PDB file of N, CA and C in Angstrom:
ATOM      1  N   GLU A   1     229.257  42.220  64.564  1.00  0.00           N
ATOM      2  CA  GLU A   1     228.545  40.978  64.800  1.00  0.00           C
ATOM      3  C   GLU A   1     227.199  41.248  65.472  1.00  0.00           C
ATOM      4  N   TYR A   2     227.179  42.157  66.408  1.00  0.00           N
ATOM      5  CA  TYR A   2     225.931  42.489  67.095  1.00  0.00           C
ATOM      6  C   TYR A   2     225.472  43.859  66.620  1.00  0.00           C
ATOM      7  N   ILE A   3     225.144  43.946  65.353  1.00  0.00           N
ATOM      8  CA  ILE A   3     224.768  45.201  64.695  1.00  0.00           C
ATOM      9  C   ILE A   3     223.550  45.835  65.338  1.00  0.00           C
ATOM     10  N   ILE A   4     222.714  45.028  65.912  1.00  0.00           N
ATOM     11  CA  ILE A   4     221.473  45.538  66.500  1.00  0.00           C
ATOM     12  C   ILE A   4     221.736  46.632  67.541  1.00  0.00           C
ATOM     13  N   PHE A   5     222.872  46.547  68.251  1.00  0.00           N
ATOM     14  CA  PHE A   5     223.130  47.534  69.294  1.00  0.00           C
ATOM     15  C   PHE A   5     223.373  48.918  68.741  1.00  0.00           C
ATOM     16  N   GLY A   6     224.077  48.997  67.635  1.00  0.00           N
ATOM     17  CA  GLY A   6     224.267  50.297  67.014  1.00  0.00           C
ATOM     18  C   GLY A   6     222.935  50.918  66.641  1.00  0.00           C
ATOM     19  N   ARG A   7     222.070  50.108  66.107  1.00  0.00           N
ATOM     20  CA  ARG A   7     220.741  50.592  65.706  1.00  0.00           C
ATOM     21  C   ARG A   7     219.897  50.965  66.924  1.00  0.00           C
ATOM     22  N   LEU A   8     219.920  50.116  67.956  1.00  0.00           N
ATOM     23  CA  LEU A   8     219.154  50.423  69.170  1.00  0.00           C
ATOM     24  C   LEU A   8     219.659  51.696  69.824  1.00  0.00           C
ATOM     25  N   ASN A   9     220.974  51.892  69.842  1.00  0.00           N
ATOM     26  CA  ASN A   9     221.514  53.103  70.454  1.00  0.00           C
ATOM     27  C   ASN A   9     221.101  54.347  69.688  1.00  0.00           C
ATOM     28  N   GLU A  10     220.948  54.219  68.360  1.00  0.00           N
ATOM     29  CA  GLU A  10     220.467  55.355  67.578  1.00  0.00           C
ATOM     30  C   GLU A  10     219.030  55.684  67.944  1.00  0.00           C
ATOM     31  N   ILE A  11     218.236  54.661  68.195  1.00  0.00           N
ATOM     32  CA  ILE A  11     216.821  54.848  68.505  1.00  0.00           C
ATOM     33  C   ILE A  11     216.625  55.280  69.949  1.00  0.00           C
ATOM     34  N   ASN A  12     217.273  54.576  70.853  1.00  0.00           N
ATOM     35  CA  ASN A  12     217.073  54.833  72.276  1.00  0.00           C
ATOM     36  C   ASN A  12     218.273  54.286  73.049  1.00  0.00           C
ATOM     37  N   ALA A  13     219.065  55.165  73.630  1.00  0.00           N
ATOM     38  CA  ALA A  13     220.270  54.750  74.341  1.00  0.00           C
ATOM     39  C   ALA A  13     219.949  53.848  75.522  1.00  0.00           C
ATOM     40  N   THR A  14     218.850  54.093  76.199  1.00  0.00           N
ATOM     41  CA  THR A  14     218.470  53.274  77.348  1.00  0.00           C
ATOM     42  C   THR A  14     218.172  51.851  76.911  1.00  0.00           C
ATOM     43  N   LEU A  15     217.373  51.703  75.894  1.00  0.00           N
ATOM     44  CA  LEU A  15     217.040  50.379  75.378  1.00  0.00           C
ATOM     45  C   LEU A  15     218.292  49.658  74.891  1.00  0.00           C
ATOM     46  N   GLY A  16     219.176  50.383  74.229  1.00  0.00           N
ATOM     47  CA  GLY A  16     220.421  49.800  73.741  1.00  0.00           C
ATOM     48  C   GLY A  16     221.278  49.262  74.864  1.00  0.00           C
ATOM     49  N   GLU A  17     221.383  50.001  75.955  1.00  0.00           N
ATOM     50  CA  GLU A  17     222.200  49.558  77.089  1.00  0.00           C
ATOM     51  C   GLU A  17     221.581  48.353  77.779  1.00  0.00           C
ATOM     52  N   VAL A  18     220.281  48.361  77.949  1.00  0.00           N
ATOM     53  CA  VAL A  18     219.600  47.217  78.567  1.00  0.00           C
ATOM     54  C   VAL A  18     219.807  45.969  77.708  1.00  0.00           C
ATOM     55  N   ALA A  19     219.650  46.112  76.414  1.00  0.00           N
ATOM     56  CA  ALA A  19     219.844  44.974  75.510  1.00  0.00           C
ATOM     57  C   ALA A  19     221.287  44.484  75.549  1.00  0.00           C
ATOM     58  N   ARG A  20     222.232  45.397  75.608  1.00  0.00           N
ATOM     59  CA  ARG A  20     223.656  45.040  75.677  1.00  0.00           C
ATOM     60  C   ARG A  20     223.937  44.207  76.929  1.00  0.00           C
ATOM     61  N   GLN A  21     223.416  44.649  78.064  1.00  0.00           N
ATOM     62  CA  GLN A  21     223.661  43.919  79.306  1.00  0.00           C
ATOM     63  C   GLN A  21     222.975  42.555  79.298  1.00  0.00           C
ATOM     64  N   ARG A  22     221.782  42.489  78.731  1.00  0.00           N
ATOM     65  CA  ARG A  22     221.073  41.202  78.646  1.00  0.00           C
ATOM     66  C   ARG A  22     221.830  40.228  77.753  1.00  0.00           C
ATOM     67  N   LEU A  23     222.305  40.704  76.606  1.00  0.00           N
ATOM     68  CA  LEU A  23     223.058  39.827  75.715  1.00  0.00           C
ATOM     69  C   LEU A  23     224.347  39.361  76.382  1.00  0.00           C
ATOM     70  N   ALA A  24     224.988  40.227  77.129  1.00  0.00           N
ATOM     71  CA  ALA A  24     226.201  39.824  77.857  1.00  0.00           C
ATOM     72  C   ALA A  24     225.888  38.687  78.828  1.00  0.00           C
ATOM     73  N   GLN A  25     224.737  38.746  79.472  1.00  0.00           N
ATOM     74  CA  GLN A  25     224.345  37.669  80.389  1.00  0.00           C
ATOM     75  C   GLN A  25     224.085  36.367  79.624  1.00  0.00           C
ATOM     76  N   VAL A  26     223.458  36.466  78.475  1.00  0.00           N
ATOM     77  CA  VAL A  26     223.199  35.278  77.650  1.00  0.00           C
ATOM     78  C   VAL A  26     224.522  34.666  77.188  1.00  0.00           C
ATOM     79  N   LEU A  27     225.434  35.506  76.711  1.00  0.00           N
ATOM     80  CA  LEU A  27     226.735  35.005  76.275  1.00  0.00           C
ATOM     81  C   LEU A  27     227.478  34.325  77.418  1.00  0.00           C
ATOM     82  N   ALA A  28     227.409  34.909  78.599  1.00  0.00           N
ATOM     83  CA  ALA A  28     228.072  34.312  79.752  1.00  0.00           C
ATOM     84  C   ALA A  28     227.482  32.939  80.068  1.00  0.00           C
ATOM     85  N   ALA A  29     226.177  32.812  79.950  1.00  0.00           N
ATOM     86  CA  ALA A  29     225.521  31.520  80.196  1.00  0.00           C
ATOM     87  C   ALA A  29     225.944  30.479  79.166  1.00  0.00           C
ATOM     88  N   GLN A  30     226.391  30.949  78.011  1.00  0.00           N
ATOM     89  CA  GLN A  30     226.870  30.055  76.956  1.00  0.00           C
ATOM     90  C   GLN A  30     228.389  29.869  77.041  1.00  0.00           C
ATOM     91  N   ASN A  31     228.976  30.293  78.160  1.00  0.00           N
ATOM     92  CA  ASN A  31     230.431  30.217  78.375  1.00  0.00           C
ATOM     93  C   ASN A  31     231.218  31.030  77.343  1.00  0.00           C
ATOM     94  N   LYS A  32     230.660  32.133  76.906  1.00  0.00           N
ATOM     95  CA  LYS A  32     231.329  33.061  75.993  1.00  0.00           C
ATOM     96  C   LYS A  32     231.633  34.353  76.759  1.00  0.00           C
ATOM     97  N   VAL A  33     232.352  34.187  77.851  1.00  0.00           N
ATOM     98  CA  VAL A  33     232.594  35.306  78.766  1.00  0.00           C
ATOM     99  C   VAL A  33     233.439  36.393  78.113  1.00  0.00           C
ATOM    100  N   ASP A  34     234.418  36.020  77.305  1.00  0.00           N
ATOM    101  CA  ASP A  34     235.236  37.041  76.635  1.00  0.00           C
ATOM    102  C   ASP A  34     234.382  37.921  75.735  1.00  0.00           C
ATOM    103  N   GLU A  35     233.466  37.311  74.992  1.00  0.00           N
ATOM    104  CA  GLU A  35     232.564  38.087  74.138  1.00  0.00           C
ATOM    105  C   GLU A  35     231.661  38.987  74.976  1.00  0.00           C
ATOM    106  N   ALA A  36     231.189  38.460  76.087  1.00  0.00           N
ATOM    107  CA  ALA A  36     230.322  39.243  76.972  1.00  0.00           C
ATOM    108  C   ALA A  36     231.064  40.460  77.506  1.00  0.00           C
ATOM    109  N   LEU A  37     232.300  40.265  77.924  1.00  0.00           N
ATOM    110  CA  LEU A  37     233.088  41.385  78.442  1.00  0.00           C
ATOM    111  C   LEU A  37     233.346  42.434  77.356  1.00  0.00           C
ATOM    112  N   LYS A  38     233.568  41.983  76.125  1.00  0.00           N
ATOM    113  CA  LYS A  38     233.783  42.936  75.027  1.00  0.00           C
ATOM    114  C   LYS A  38     232.556  43.816  74.813  1.00  0.00           C
ATOM    115  N   LEU A  39     231.375  43.243  74.985  1.00  0.00           N
ATOM    116  CA  LEU A  39     230.145  44.027  74.843  1.00  0.00           C
ATOM    117  C   LEU A  39     230.067  45.151  75.873  1.00  0.00           C
ATOM    118  N   LEU A  40     230.693  44.936  77.010  1.00  0.00           N
ATOM    119  CA  LEU A  40     230.590  45.899  78.107  1.00  0.00           C
ATOM    120  C   LEU A  40     231.746  46.889  78.143  1.00  0.00           C
ATOM    121  N   GLU A  41     232.611  46.848  77.140  1.00  0.00           N
ATOM    122  CA  GLU A  41     233.723  47.796  77.076  1.00  0.00           C
ATOM    123  C   GLU A  41     233.201  49.185  76.721  1.00  0.00           C
ATOM    124  N   GLY A  42     233.978  50.180  77.063  1.00  0.00           N
ATOM    125  CA  GLY A  42     233.618  51.547  76.708  1.00  0.00           C
ATOM    126  C   GLY A  42     232.814  52.227  77.799  1.00  0.00           C
ATOM    127  N   ASP A  43     232.396  53.420  77.472  1.00  0.00           N
ATOM    128  CA  ASP A  43     231.670  54.232  78.441  1.00  0.00           C
ATOM    129  C   ASP A  43     230.212  53.826  78.515  1.00  0.00           C
ATOM    130  N   SER A  44     229.646  54.096  79.673  1.00  0.00           N
ATOM    131  CA  SER A  44     228.227  53.838  79.898  1.00  0.00           C
ATOM    132  C   SER A  44     227.605  55.092  80.487  1.00  0.00           C
ATOM    133  N   ASP A  45     226.356  55.290  80.213  1.00  0.00           N
ATOM    134  CA  ASP A  45     225.627  56.378  80.849  1.00  0.00           C
ATOM    135  C   ASP A  45     225.696  56.175  82.359  1.00  0.00           C
ATOM    136  N   LYS A  46     225.798  57.264  83.088  1.00  0.00           N
ATOM    137  CA  LYS A  46     225.927  57.177  84.541  1.00  0.00           C
ATOM    138  C   LYS A  46     224.796  56.363  85.179  1.00  0.00           C
ATOM    139  N   ALA A  47     223.613  56.430  84.596  1.00  0.00           N
ATOM    140  CA  ALA A  47     222.470  55.698  85.142  1.00  0.00           C
ATOM    141  C   ALA A  47     222.678  54.182  85.083  1.00  0.00           C
ATOM    142  N   PHE A  48     223.541  53.720  84.178  1.00  0.00           N
ATOM    143  CA  PHE A  48     223.776  52.289  84.011  1.00  0.00           C
ATOM    144  C   PHE A  48     225.146  51.837  84.502  1.00  0.00           C
ATOM    145  N   LEU A  49     225.928  52.767  85.023  1.00  0.00           N
ATOM    146  CA  LEU A  49     227.293  52.428  85.422  1.00  0.00           C
ATOM    147  C   LEU A  49     227.326  51.327  86.471  1.00  0.00           C
ATOM    148  N   ALA A  50     226.500  51.424  87.482  1.00  0.00           N
ATOM    149  CA  ALA A  50     226.522  50.430  88.559  1.00  0.00           C
ATOM    150  C   ALA A  50     226.140  49.043  88.047  1.00  0.00           C
ATOM    151  N   SER A  51     225.076  48.956  87.265  1.00  0.00           N
ATOM    152  CA  SER A  51     224.653  47.631  86.787  1.00  0.00           C
ATOM    153  C   SER A  51     225.668  47.053  85.811  1.00  0.00           C
ATOM    154  N   ARG A  52     226.264  47.899  84.975  1.00  0.00           N
ATOM    155  CA  ARG A  52     227.265  47.415  84.029  1.00  0.00           C
ATOM    156  C   ARG A  52     228.502  46.916  84.763  1.00  0.00           C
ATOM    157  N   GLU A  53     228.976  47.671  85.725  1.00  0.00           N
ATOM    158  CA  GLU A  53     230.177  47.268  86.461  1.00  0.00           C
ATOM    159  C   GLU A  53     229.926  46.027  87.320  1.00  0.00           C
ATOM    160  N   GLU A  54     228.736  45.914  87.887  1.00  0.00           N
ATOM    161  CA  GLU A  54     228.420  44.710  88.654  1.00  0.00           C
ATOM    162  C   GLU A  54     228.413  43.487  87.734  1.00  0.00           C
ATOM    163  N   LEU A  55     227.840  43.642  86.559  1.00  0.00           N
ATOM    164  CA  LEU A  55     227.838  42.547  85.598  1.00  0.00           C
ATOM    165  C   LEU A  55     229.260  42.192  85.178  1.00  0.00           C
ATOM    166  N   LYS A  56     230.084  43.213  84.932  1.00  0.00           N
ATOM    167  CA  LYS A  56     231.495  42.941  84.616  1.00  0.00           C
ATOM    168  C   LYS A  56     232.142  42.144  85.743  1.00  0.00           C
ATOM    169  N   GLY A  57     231.878  42.553  86.974  1.00  0.00           N
ATOM    170  CA  GLY A  57     232.429  41.828  88.118  1.00  0.00           C
ATOM    171  C   GLY A  57     231.999  40.372  88.124  1.00  0.00           C
ATOM    172  N   ASP A  58     230.728  40.124  87.851  1.00  0.00           N
ATOM    173  CA  ASP A  58     230.222  38.750  87.800  1.00  0.00           C
ATOM    174  C   ASP A  58     230.944  37.939  86.725  1.00  0.00           C
ATOM    175  N   LEU A  59     231.158  38.550  85.571  1.00  0.00           N
ATOM    176  CA  LEU A  59     231.839  37.867  84.472  1.00  0.00           C
ATOM    177  C   LEU A  59     233.302  37.595  84.819  1.00  0.00           C
ATOM    178  N   LEU A  60     233.928  38.552  85.464  1.00  0.00           N
ATOM    179  CA  LEU A  60     235.327  38.383  85.853  1.00  0.00           C
ATOM    180  C   LEU A  60     235.487  37.307  86.918  1.00  0.00           C
ATOM    181  N   VAL A  61     234.530  37.203  87.830  1.00  0.00           N
ATOM    182  CA  VAL A  61     234.542  36.112  88.816  1.00  0.00           C
ATOM    183  C   VAL A  61     234.445  34.781  88.079  1.00  0.00           C
ATOM    184  N   GLN A  62     233.585  34.729  87.076  1.00  0.00           N
ATOM    185  CA  GLN A  62     233.413  33.515  86.287  1.00  0.00           C
ATOM    186  C   GLN A  62     234.736  33.087  85.643  1.00  0.00           C
ATOM    187  N   GLN A  63     235.581  34.065  85.317  1.00  0.00           N
ATOM    188  CA  GLN A  63     236.884  33.767  84.732  1.00  0.00           C
ATOM    189  C   GLN A  63     237.960  33.534  85.792  1.00  0.00           C
ATOM    190  N   GLY A  64     237.619  33.694  87.055  1.00  0.00           N
ATOM    191  CA  GLY A  64     238.600  33.525  88.116  1.00  0.00           C
ATOM    192  C   GLY A  64     239.486  34.741  88.332  1.00  0.00           C
ATOM    193  N   ARG A  65     239.128  35.868  87.773  1.00  0.00           N
ATOM    194  CA  ARG A  65     239.911  37.108  87.884  1.00  0.00           C
ATOM    195  C   ARG A  65     239.370  37.942  89.051  1.00  0.00           C
ATOM    196  N   THR A  66     239.627  37.468  90.260  1.00  0.00           N
ATOM    197  CA  THR A  66     239.005  38.058  91.445  1.00  0.00           C
ATOM    198  C   THR A  66     239.460  39.493  91.716  1.00  0.00           C
ATOM    199  N   ASP A  67     240.713  39.824  91.464  1.00  0.00           N
ATOM    200  CA  ASP A  67     241.153  41.206  91.698  1.00  0.00           C
ATOM    201  C   ASP A  67     240.436  42.172  90.766  1.00  0.00           C
ATOM    202  N   ASP A  68     240.315  41.781  89.506  1.00  0.00           N
ATOM    203  CA  ASP A  68     239.593  42.622  88.542  1.00  0.00           C
ATOM    204  C   ASP A  68     238.113  42.698  88.896  1.00  0.00           C
ATOM    205  N   ALA A  69     237.558  41.578  89.355  1.00  0.00           N
ATOM    206  CA  ALA A  69     236.149  41.553  89.762  1.00  0.00           C
ATOM    207  C   ALA A  69     235.917  42.492  90.938  1.00  0.00           C
ATOM    208  N   ARG A  70     236.819  42.448  91.919  1.00  0.00           N
ATOM    209  CA  ARG A  70     236.694  43.330  93.081  1.00  0.00           C
ATOM    210  C   ARG A  70     236.716  44.792  92.641  1.00  0.00           C
ATOM    211  N   ALA A  71     237.602  45.126  91.714  1.00  0.00           N
ATOM    212  CA  ALA A  71     237.687  46.508  91.222  1.00  0.00           C
ATOM    213  C   ALA A  71     236.383  46.919  90.533  1.00  0.00           C
ATOM    214  N   ALA A  72     235.803  46.010  89.752  1.00  0.00           N
ATOM    215  CA  ALA A  72     234.535  46.313  89.076  1.00  0.00           C
ATOM    216  C   ALA A  72     233.413  46.486  90.096  1.00  0.00           C
ATOM    217  N   TYR A  73     233.363  45.610  91.096  1.00  0.00           N
ATOM    218  CA  TYR A  73     232.332  45.730  92.136  1.00  0.00           C
ATOM    219  C   TYR A  73     232.500  47.033  92.917  1.00  0.00           C
ATOM    220  N   GLU A  74     233.733  47.415  93.197  1.00  0.00           N
ATOM    221  CA  GLU A  74     233.977  48.676  93.922  1.00  0.00           C
ATOM    222  C   GLU A  74     233.516  49.873  93.087  1.00  0.00           C
ATOM    223  N   LYS A  75     233.765  49.808  91.789  1.00  0.00           N
ATOM    224  CA  LYS A  75     233.323  50.883  90.898  1.00  0.00           C
ATOM    225  C   LYS A  75     231.795  50.944  90.872  1.00  0.00           C
ATOM    226  N   ALA A  76     231.155  49.778  90.846  1.00  0.00           N
ATOM    227  CA  ALA A  76     229.694  49.734  90.883  1.00  0.00           C
ATOM    228  C   ALA A  76     229.176  50.312  92.191  1.00  0.00           C
ATOM    229  N   LYS A  77     229.800  49.928  93.284  1.00  0.00           N
ATOM    230  CA  LYS A  77     229.377  50.404  94.604  1.00  0.00           C
ATOM    231  C   LYS A  77     229.517  51.921  94.712  1.00  0.00           C
ATOM    232  N   ALA A  78     230.598  52.455  94.162  1.00  0.00           N
ATOM    233  CA  ALA A  78     230.825  53.901  94.209  1.00  0.00           C
ATOM    234  C   ALA A  78     229.762  54.668  93.417  1.00  0.00           C
ATOM    235  N   ALA A  79     229.180  54.004  92.425  1.00  0.00           N
ATOM    236  CA  ALA A  79     228.158  54.655  91.601  1.00  0.00           C
ATOM    237  C   ALA A  79     226.784  54.643  92.255  1.00  0.00           C
ATOM    238  N   LEU A  80     226.650  53.915  93.355  1.00  0.00           N
ATOM    239  CA  LEU A  80     225.364  53.796  94.049  1.00  0.00           C
ATOM    240  C   LEU A  80     225.359  54.603  95.336  1.00  0.00           C
ATOM    241  N   SER A  81     224.167  54.875  95.836  1.00  0.00           N
ATOM    242  CA  SER A  81     224.058  55.481  97.159  1.00  0.00           C
ATOM    243  C   SER A  81     224.458  54.425  98.190  1.00  0.00           C
ATOM    244  N   ASP A  82     224.805  54.854  99.380  1.00  0.00           N
ATOM    245  CA  ASP A  82     225.207  53.910 100.431  1.00  0.00           C
ATOM    246  C   ASP A  82     224.112  52.897 100.722  1.00  0.00           C
ATOM    247  N   GLU A  83     222.867  53.342 100.724  1.00  0.00           N
ATOM    248  CA  GLU A  83     221.753  52.444 101.015  1.00  0.00           C
ATOM    249  C   GLU A  83     221.605  51.374  99.928  1.00  0.00           C
ATOM    250  N   ALA A  84     221.774  51.783  98.686  1.00  0.00           N
ATOM    251  CA  ALA A  84     221.602  50.848  97.571  1.00  0.00           C
ATOM    252  C   ALA A  84     222.717  49.810  97.532  1.00  0.00           C
ATOM    253  N   ALA A  85     223.909  50.179  97.988  1.00  0.00           N
ATOM    254  CA  ALA A  85     225.069  49.278  97.913  1.00  0.00           C
ATOM    255  C   ALA A  85     225.082  48.240  99.014  1.00  0.00           C
ATOM    256  N   VAL A  86     224.145  48.294  99.929  1.00  0.00           N
ATOM    257  CA  VAL A  86     224.137  47.376 101.064  1.00  0.00           C
ATOM    258  C   VAL A  86     223.707  45.973 100.656  1.00  0.00           C
ATOM    259  N   GLY A  87     222.981  45.831  99.581  1.00  0.00           N
ATOM    260  CA  GLY A  87     222.401  44.546  99.185  1.00  0.00           C
ATOM    261  C   GLY A  87     223.382  43.553  98.609  1.00  0.00           C
ATOM    262  N   GLY A  88     222.992  42.985  97.482  1.00  0.00           N
ATOM    263  CA  GLY A  88     223.738  41.905  96.865  1.00  0.00           C
ATOM    264  C   GLY A  88     225.149  42.279  96.468  1.00  0.00           C
ATOM    265  N   LEU A  89     225.362  43.518  96.076  1.00  0.00           N
ATOM    266  CA  LEU A  89     226.690  43.958  95.684  1.00  0.00           C
ATOM    267  C   LEU A  89     227.667  43.856  96.848  1.00  0.00           C
ATOM    268  N   GLN A  90     227.243  44.276  98.029  1.00  0.00           N
ATOM    269  CA  GLN A  90     228.115  44.188  99.200  1.00  0.00           C
ATOM    270  C   GLN A  90     228.392  42.730  99.559  1.00  0.00           C
ATOM    271  N   ILE A  91     227.417  41.879  99.375  1.00  0.00           N
ATOM    272  CA  ILE A  91     227.614  40.451  99.644  1.00  0.00           C
ATOM    273  C   ILE A  91     228.683  39.890  98.703  1.00  0.00           C
ATOM    274  N   LYS A  92     228.641  40.285  97.442  1.00  0.00           N
ATOM    275  CA  LYS A  92     229.642  39.825  96.474  1.00  0.00           C
ATOM    276  C   LYS A  92     231.034  40.299  96.878  1.00  0.00           C
ATOM    277  N   LEU A  93     231.137  41.553  97.310  1.00  0.00           N
ATOM    278  CA  LEU A  93     232.426  42.071  97.773  1.00  0.00           C
ATOM    279  C   LEU A  93     232.917  41.311  99.006  1.00  0.00           C
ATOM    280  N   ASP A  94     232.011  41.050  99.924  1.00  0.00           N
ATOM    281  CA  ASP A  94     232.380  40.303 101.121  1.00  0.00           C
ATOM    282  C   ASP A  94     232.843  38.893 100.779  1.00  0.00           C
ATOM    283  N   ASP A  95     232.162  38.252  99.817  1.00  0.00           N
ATOM    284  CA  ASP A  95     232.566  36.907  99.399  1.00  0.00           C
ATOM    285  C   ASP A  95     233.968  36.913  98.795  1.00  0.00           C
ATOM    286  N   LEU A  96     234.273  37.928  97.987  1.00  0.00           N
ATOM    287  CA  LEU A  96     235.614  38.029  97.408  1.00  0.00           C
ATOM    288  C   LEU A  96     236.657  38.228  98.489  1.00  0.00           C
ATOM    289  N   ALA A  97     236.327  39.015  99.514  1.00  0.00           N
ATOM    290  CA  ALA A  97     237.263  39.245 100.603  1.00  0.00           C
ATOM    291  C   ALA A  97     237.564  37.963 101.360  1.00  0.00           C
ATOM    292  N   LYS A  98     236.566  37.080 101.426  1.00  0.00           N
ATOM    293  CA  LYS A  98     236.737  35.804 102.112  1.00  0.00           C
ATOM    294  C   LYS A  98     237.351  34.742 101.211  1.00  0.00           C
ATOM    295  N   GLY A  99     237.392  35.036  99.917  1.00  0.00           N
ATOM    296  CA  GLY A  99     237.902  34.049  98.972  1.00  0.00           C
ATOM    297  C   GLY A  99     236.873  33.007  98.593  1.00  0.00           C
ATOM    298  N   ASP A 100     235.587  33.327  98.766  1.00  0.00           N
ATOM    299  CA  ASP A 100     234.517  32.372  98.496  1.00  0.00           C
ATOM    300  C   ASP A 100     233.922  32.492  97.096  1.00  0.00           C
ATOM    301  N   ALA A 101     234.410  33.429  96.314  1.00  0.00           N
ATOM    302  CA  ALA A 101     233.769  33.698  95.024  1.00  0.00           C
ATOM    303  C   ALA A 101     233.850  32.504  94.086  1.00  0.00           C
TER     304      ALA A 101
END
């Protein structure tokens, strides 16, 4: 259905991953969260692991799957340096711990 990603990945893996994550965000905004999550299945280049897992966490929160979201956020946090994980990602984890998600 999203043939463009196969083609983009052949041309440039970085561009393909960025486009994949952007489309997942668009699908989520259209309440097509299952489709968005399917786009994010599989392996990701290490450089994109944190952003992909954070996005997965956001989508899982949208579905009310807080335990799965927490696991995705933790995976994203582990892929970042301690300094980088202090920002919005840590706030999302803290919100889940409080049950505010």
